[in-house]
Amino acid sequence: MFQLLAIQVERHLTEQEVREINFIIKARALRFLAAGKEEWLYPDQHVSKADWANYGKGYLLMPDPRSVSFTSEVLIGFKGGTSTGFDAYGRRPWERDYRVPGGSDEWHRFNKFRKEFAKKFGPYRRGRSFQINGLDEEKDSDDLHKSFLNYGKRH
């Protein structure tokens, strides 16, 4: 199953991050490359393969977790009125351990990553996903940003 509306759009990248992505594309190309300008064909003049793990501060290929919906199961309805479901591990409702592991631990890790991302990149999102009423906000409200930064702190 694939959730088309969960694809992040309006990704904001620095010039260096674009070079890093172009470097990855060039490194993986089997035969041909194309670019709008000849200089774009040579990202290796600005990027080192040795820094691969640090591209985009280590987060280049990650979606912005603040625009990711946390889901743990998929429910499917059919024309005839029947339905079925799967948990995050592909188990069906009648199978042993359906919905058992993870739960709050996964939710906690997800929110810790949101906090880490908010600290590193600030309140402006690096990608946006579609919600019921359109794209989510480009910038977190002050209260939302503070909630990301304060996640897990005891009061």
C-alpha atoms as a PDB file:
ATOM      1  CA  MET A   1       0.000   0.000   0.000  1.00  0.00           C
ATOM      2  CA  PHE A   2       1.201   3.490  -0.768  1.00  0.00           C
ATOM      3  CA  GLN A   3      -0.220   6.740   0.568  1.00  0.00           C
ATOM      4  CA  LEU A   4       0.158   9.210  -2.297  1.00  0.00           C
ATOM      5  CA  LEU A   5      -0.753  12.272  -0.237  1.00  0.00           C
ATOM      6  CA  ALA A   6       2.028  11.510   2.269  1.00  0.00           C
ATOM      7  CA  ILE A   7       4.705  12.413  -0.296  1.00  0.00           C
ATOM      8  CA  GLN A   8       6.461  15.557   0.843  1.00  0.00           C
ATOM      9  CA  VAL A   9       6.476  18.460  -1.580  1.00  0.00           C
ATOM     10  CA  GLU A  10       7.937  21.957  -1.512  1.00  0.00           C
ATOM     11  CA  ARG A  11      11.227  20.616  -0.206  1.00  0.00           C
ATOM     12  CA  HIS A  12      13.657  23.397   0.685  1.00  0.00           C
ATOM     13  CA  LEU A  13      17.303  22.580   0.002  1.00  0.00           C
ATOM     14  CA  THR A  14      20.483  24.598   0.126  1.00  0.00           C
ATOM     15  CA  GLU A  15      22.698  24.836  -2.944  1.00  0.00           C
ATOM     16  CA  GLN A  16      25.140  22.431  -1.269  1.00  0.00           C
ATOM     17  CA  GLU A  17      22.354  19.889  -0.643  1.00  0.00           C
ATOM     18  CA  VAL A  18      21.353  20.054  -4.317  1.00  0.00           C
ATOM     19  CA  ARG A  19      24.979  19.329  -5.209  1.00  0.00           C
ATOM     20  CA  GLU A  20      24.971  16.396  -2.800  1.00  0.00           C
ATOM     21  CA  ILE A  21      21.831  14.938  -4.380  1.00  0.00           C
ATOM     22  CA  ASN A  22      23.322  15.456  -7.849  1.00  0.00           C
ATOM     23  CA  PHE A  23      26.464  13.685  -6.660  1.00  0.00           C
ATOM     24  CA  ILE A  24      24.390  10.702  -5.500  1.00  0.00           C
ATOM     25  CA  ILE A  25      22.542  10.605  -8.842  1.00  0.00           C
ATOM     26  CA  LYS A  26      25.810  10.785 -10.766  1.00  0.00           C
ATOM     27  CA  ALA A  27      27.413   8.083  -8.606  1.00  0.00           C
ATOM     28  CA  ARG A  28      24.450   5.764  -9.226  1.00  0.00           C
ATOM     29  CA  ALA A  29      24.016   6.511 -12.953  1.00  0.00           C
ATOM     30  CA  LEU A  30      24.628   3.543 -15.217  1.00  0.00           C
ATOM     31  CA  ARG A  31      25.104   5.374 -18.502  1.00  0.00           C
ATOM     32  CA  PHE A  32      23.759   8.864 -19.173  1.00  0.00           C
ATOM     33  CA  LEU A  33      23.291  12.101 -17.248  1.00  0.00           C
ATOM     34  CA  ALA A  34      21.584  15.333 -18.213  1.00  0.00           C
ATOM     35  CA  ALA A  35      21.524  18.791 -16.689  1.00  0.00           C
ATOM     36  CA  GLY A  36      20.198  22.241 -17.489  1.00  0.00           C
ATOM     37  CA  LYS A  37      23.711  23.688 -17.224  1.00  0.00           C
ATOM     38  CA  GLU A  38      27.005  21.945 -17.966  1.00  0.00           C
ATOM     39  CA  GLU A  39      28.449  22.862 -14.542  1.00  0.00           C
ATOM     40  CA  TRP A  40      25.667  20.862 -12.856  1.00  0.00           C
ATOM     41  CA  LEU A  41      27.166  17.698 -14.381  1.00  0.00           C
ATOM     42  CA  TYR A  42      30.173  18.027 -12.079  1.00  0.00           C
ATOM     43  CA  PRO A  43      28.933  18.074  -8.476  1.00  0.00           C
ATOM     44  CA  ASP A  44      32.096  16.195  -7.532  1.00  0.00           C
ATOM     45  CA  GLN A  45      33.961  19.520  -7.806  1.00  0.00           C
ATOM     46  CA  HIS A  46      32.056  20.680  -4.696  1.00  0.00           C
ATOM     47  CA  VAL A  47      31.214  17.431  -2.898  1.00  0.00           C
ATOM     48  CA  SER A  48      33.371  14.674  -1.488  1.00  0.00           C
ATOM     49  CA  LYS A  49      32.276  11.054  -1.415  1.00  0.00           C
ATOM     50  CA  ALA A  50      34.066  10.783   1.923  1.00  0.00           C
ATOM     51  CA  ASP A  51      31.388  13.066   3.438  1.00  0.00           C
ATOM     52  CA  TRP A  52      28.457  10.946   2.203  1.00  0.00           C
ATOM     53  CA  ALA A  53      27.192  10.214   5.735  1.00  0.00           C
ATOM     54  CA  ASN A  54      27.132  13.934   6.541  1.00  0.00           C
ATOM     55  CA  TYR A  55      25.208  15.117   3.490  1.00  0.00           C
ATOM     56  CA  GLY A  56      22.472  17.495   4.589  1.00  0.00           C
ATOM     57  CA  LYS A  57      23.805  17.374   8.167  1.00  0.00           C
ATOM     58  CA  GLY A  58      23.133  13.632   8.022  1.00  0.00           C
ATOM     59  CA  TYR A  59      19.463  14.141   7.104  1.00  0.00           C
ATOM     60  CA  LEU A  60      19.557  14.839   3.359  1.00  0.00           C
ATOM     61  CA  LEU A  61      17.331  11.988   2.242  1.00  0.00           C
ATOM     62  CA  MET A  62      15.002  12.039   5.262  1.00  0.00           C
ATOM     63  CA  PRO A  63      11.519  13.533   5.060  1.00  0.00           C
ATOM     64  CA  ASP A  64      10.757  16.206   7.632  1.00  0.00           C
ATOM     65  CA  PRO A  65       9.224  14.113  10.452  1.00  0.00           C
ATOM     66  CA  ARG A  66       7.006  17.014  11.524  1.00  0.00           C
ATOM     67  CA  SER A  67       5.060  16.468   8.285  1.00  0.00           C
ATOM     68  CA  VAL A  68       4.878  12.693   8.640  1.00  0.00           C
ATOM     69  CA  SER A  69       1.730  11.092   9.999  1.00  0.00           C
ATOM     70  CA  PHE A  70       2.365   8.428  12.611  1.00  0.00           C
ATOM     71  CA  THR A  71       0.348   5.375  11.713  1.00  0.00           C
ATOM     72  CA  SER A  72       0.670   1.861  12.986  1.00  0.00           C
ATOM     73  CA  GLU A  73      -1.854  -0.034  10.912  1.00  0.00           C
ATOM     74  CA  VAL A  74      -3.588  -0.104   7.548  1.00  0.00           C
ATOM     75  CA  LEU A  75      -7.308  -0.724   7.215  1.00  0.00           C
ATOM     76  CA  ILE A  76      -8.799  -1.542   3.814  1.00  0.00           C
ATOM     77  CA  GLY A  77     -12.495  -1.473   2.886  1.00  0.00           C
ATOM     78  CA  PHE A  78     -13.876  -3.262  -0.166  1.00  0.00           C
ATOM     79  CA  LYS A  79     -16.927  -2.603  -2.374  1.00  0.00           C
ATOM     80  CA  GLY A  80     -18.920  -5.463  -0.904  1.00  0.00           C
ATOM     81  CA  GLY A  81     -18.644  -3.985   2.584  1.00  0.00           C
ATOM     82  CA  THR A  82     -15.924  -6.321   3.824  1.00  0.00           C
ATOM     83  CA  SER A  83     -12.676  -5.040   5.265  1.00  0.00           C
ATOM     84  CA  THR A  84      -9.292  -6.181   6.461  1.00  0.00           C
ATOM     85  CA  GLY A  85      -6.332  -4.738   8.260  1.00  0.00           C
ATOM     86  CA  PHE A  86      -2.612  -5.095   8.928  1.00  0.00           C
ATOM     87  CA  ASP A  87      -0.500  -3.808  11.798  1.00  0.00           C
ATOM     88  CA  ALA A  88       2.848  -2.076  11.255  1.00  0.00           C
ATOM     89  CA  TYR A  89       4.538  -5.471  10.977  1.00  0.00           C
ATOM     90  CA  GLY A  90       2.168  -6.938   8.366  1.00  0.00           C
ATOM     91  CA  ARG A  91       0.270  -9.131  10.829  1.00  0.00           C
ATOM     92  CA  ARG A  92      -3.451  -9.618  10.400  1.00  0.00           C
ATOM     93  CA  PRO A  93      -6.007  -9.118  13.241  1.00  0.00           C
ATOM     94  CA  TRP A  94      -6.401 -12.867  13.852  1.00  0.00           C
ATOM     95  CA  GLU A  95      -2.648 -13.524  14.045  1.00  0.00           C
ATOM     96  CA  ARG A  96      -0.707 -13.848  17.292  1.00  0.00           C
ATOM     97  CA  ASP A  97       0.859 -10.592  18.568  1.00  0.00           C
ATOM     98  CA  TYR A  98      -1.260  -8.372  16.290  1.00  0.00           C
ATOM     99  CA  ARG A  99      -0.584  -4.772  17.439  1.00  0.00           C
ATOM    100  CA  VAL A 100       1.551  -5.955  20.368  1.00  0.00           C
ATOM    101  CA  PRO A 101       5.171  -4.713  20.082  1.00  0.00           C
ATOM    102  CA  GLY A 102       6.360  -1.172  19.758  1.00  0.00           C
ATOM    103  CA  GLY A 103       3.336   0.952  20.433  1.00  0.00           C
ATOM    104  CA  SER A 104       4.381   3.618  22.887  1.00  0.00           C
ATOM    105  CA  ASP A 105       8.117   2.978  22.315  1.00  0.00           C
ATOM    106  CA  GLU A 106       7.745   3.710  18.618  1.00  0.00           C
ATOM    107  CA  TRP A 107       5.635   6.782  19.354  1.00  0.00           C
ATOM    108  CA  HIS A 108       8.280   8.005  21.800  1.00  0.00           C
ATOM    109  CA  ARG A 109      11.139   7.458  19.293  1.00  0.00           C
ATOM    110  CA  PHE A 110       9.123   9.207  16.560  1.00  0.00           C
ATOM    111  CA  ASN A 111       8.591  12.261  18.752  1.00  0.00           C
ATOM    112  CA  LYS A 112      12.233  12.312  19.854  1.00  0.00           C
ATOM    113  CA  PHE A 113      13.210  12.426  16.186  1.00  0.00           C
ATOM    114  CA  ARG A 114      10.760  15.293  15.579  1.00  0.00           C
ATOM    115  CA  LYS A 115      12.435  17.141  18.472  1.00  0.00           C
ATOM    116  CA  GLU A 116      15.912  16.483  17.062  1.00  0.00           C
ATOM    117  CA  PHE A 117      14.845  17.704  13.615  1.00  0.00           C
ATOM    118  CA  ALA A 118      13.194  20.854  15.043  1.00  0.00           C
ATOM    119  CA  LYS A 119      16.388  21.675  16.972  1.00  0.00           C
ATOM    120  CA  LYS A 120      18.584  21.173  13.939  1.00  0.00           C
ATOM    121  CA  PHE A 121      16.484  22.992  11.321  1.00  0.00           C
ATOM    122  CA  GLY A 122      14.261  25.411  13.253  1.00  0.00           C
ATOM    123  CA  PRO A 123      10.525  26.061  12.833  1.00  0.00           C
ATOM    124  CA  TYR A 124      10.479  26.095   9.008  1.00  0.00           C
ATOM    125  CA  ARG A 125       9.656  22.704   7.571  1.00  0.00           C
ATOM    126  CA  ARG A 126      11.950  21.217   4.952  1.00  0.00           C
ATOM    127  CA  GLY A 127       9.055  19.419   3.290  1.00  0.00           C
ATOM    128  CA  ARG A 128       5.270  19.511   3.508  1.00  0.00           C
ATOM    129  CA  SER A 129       2.620  16.814   3.179  1.00  0.00           C
ATOM    130  CA  PHE A 130      -1.048  17.009   2.286  1.00  0.00           C
ATOM    131  CA  GLN A 131      -3.577  16.894   5.085  1.00  0.00           C
ATOM    132  CA  ILE A 132      -7.376  16.774   4.850  1.00  0.00           C
ATOM    133  CA  ASN A 133      -7.636  20.543   4.315  1.00  0.00           C
ATOM    134  CA  GLY A 134      -4.544  20.985   2.063  1.00  0.00           C
ATOM    135  CA  LEU A 135      -0.815  21.253   2.654  1.00  0.00           C
ATOM    136  CA  ASP A 136       0.359  21.399   6.235  1.00  0.00           C
ATOM    137  CA  GLU A 137       1.906  24.635   7.417  1.00  0.00           C
ATOM    138  CA  GLU A 138       5.289  25.772   6.084  1.00  0.00           C
ATOM    139  CA  LYS A 139       6.291  27.073   9.512  1.00  0.00           C
ATOM    140  CA  ASP A 140       5.413  25.622  12.883  1.00  0.00           C
ATOM    141  CA  SER A 141       3.539  27.972  15.177  1.00  0.00           C
ATOM    142  CA  ASP A 142       5.594  29.130  18.154  1.00  0.00           C
ATOM    143  CA  ASP A 143       3.580  26.842  20.450  1.00  0.00           C
ATOM    144  CA  LEU A 144       3.985  23.814  18.185  1.00  0.00           C
ATOM    145  CA  HIS A 145       7.701  24.430  17.734  1.00  0.00           C
ATOM    146  CA  LYS A 146       8.123  24.740  21.521  1.00  0.00           C
ATOM    147  CA  SER A 147       6.196  21.492  21.999  1.00  0.00           C
ATOM    148  CA  PHE A 148       8.603  19.700  19.632  1.00  0.00           C
ATOM    149  CA  LEU A 149      11.614  21.150  21.459  1.00  0.00           C
ATOM    150  CA  ASN A 150      10.195  20.318  24.892  1.00  0.00           C
ATOM    151  CA  TYR A 151       9.107  16.773  24.082  1.00  0.00           C
ATOM    152  CA  GLY A 152      10.163  14.384  26.816  1.00  0.00           C
ATOM    153  CA  LYS A 153      11.123  17.039  29.385  1.00  0.00           C
ATOM    154  CA  ARG A 154       9.704  16.513  32.830  1.00  0.00           C
ATOM    155  CA  HIS A 155       8.049  19.493  34.457  1.00  0.00           C
END
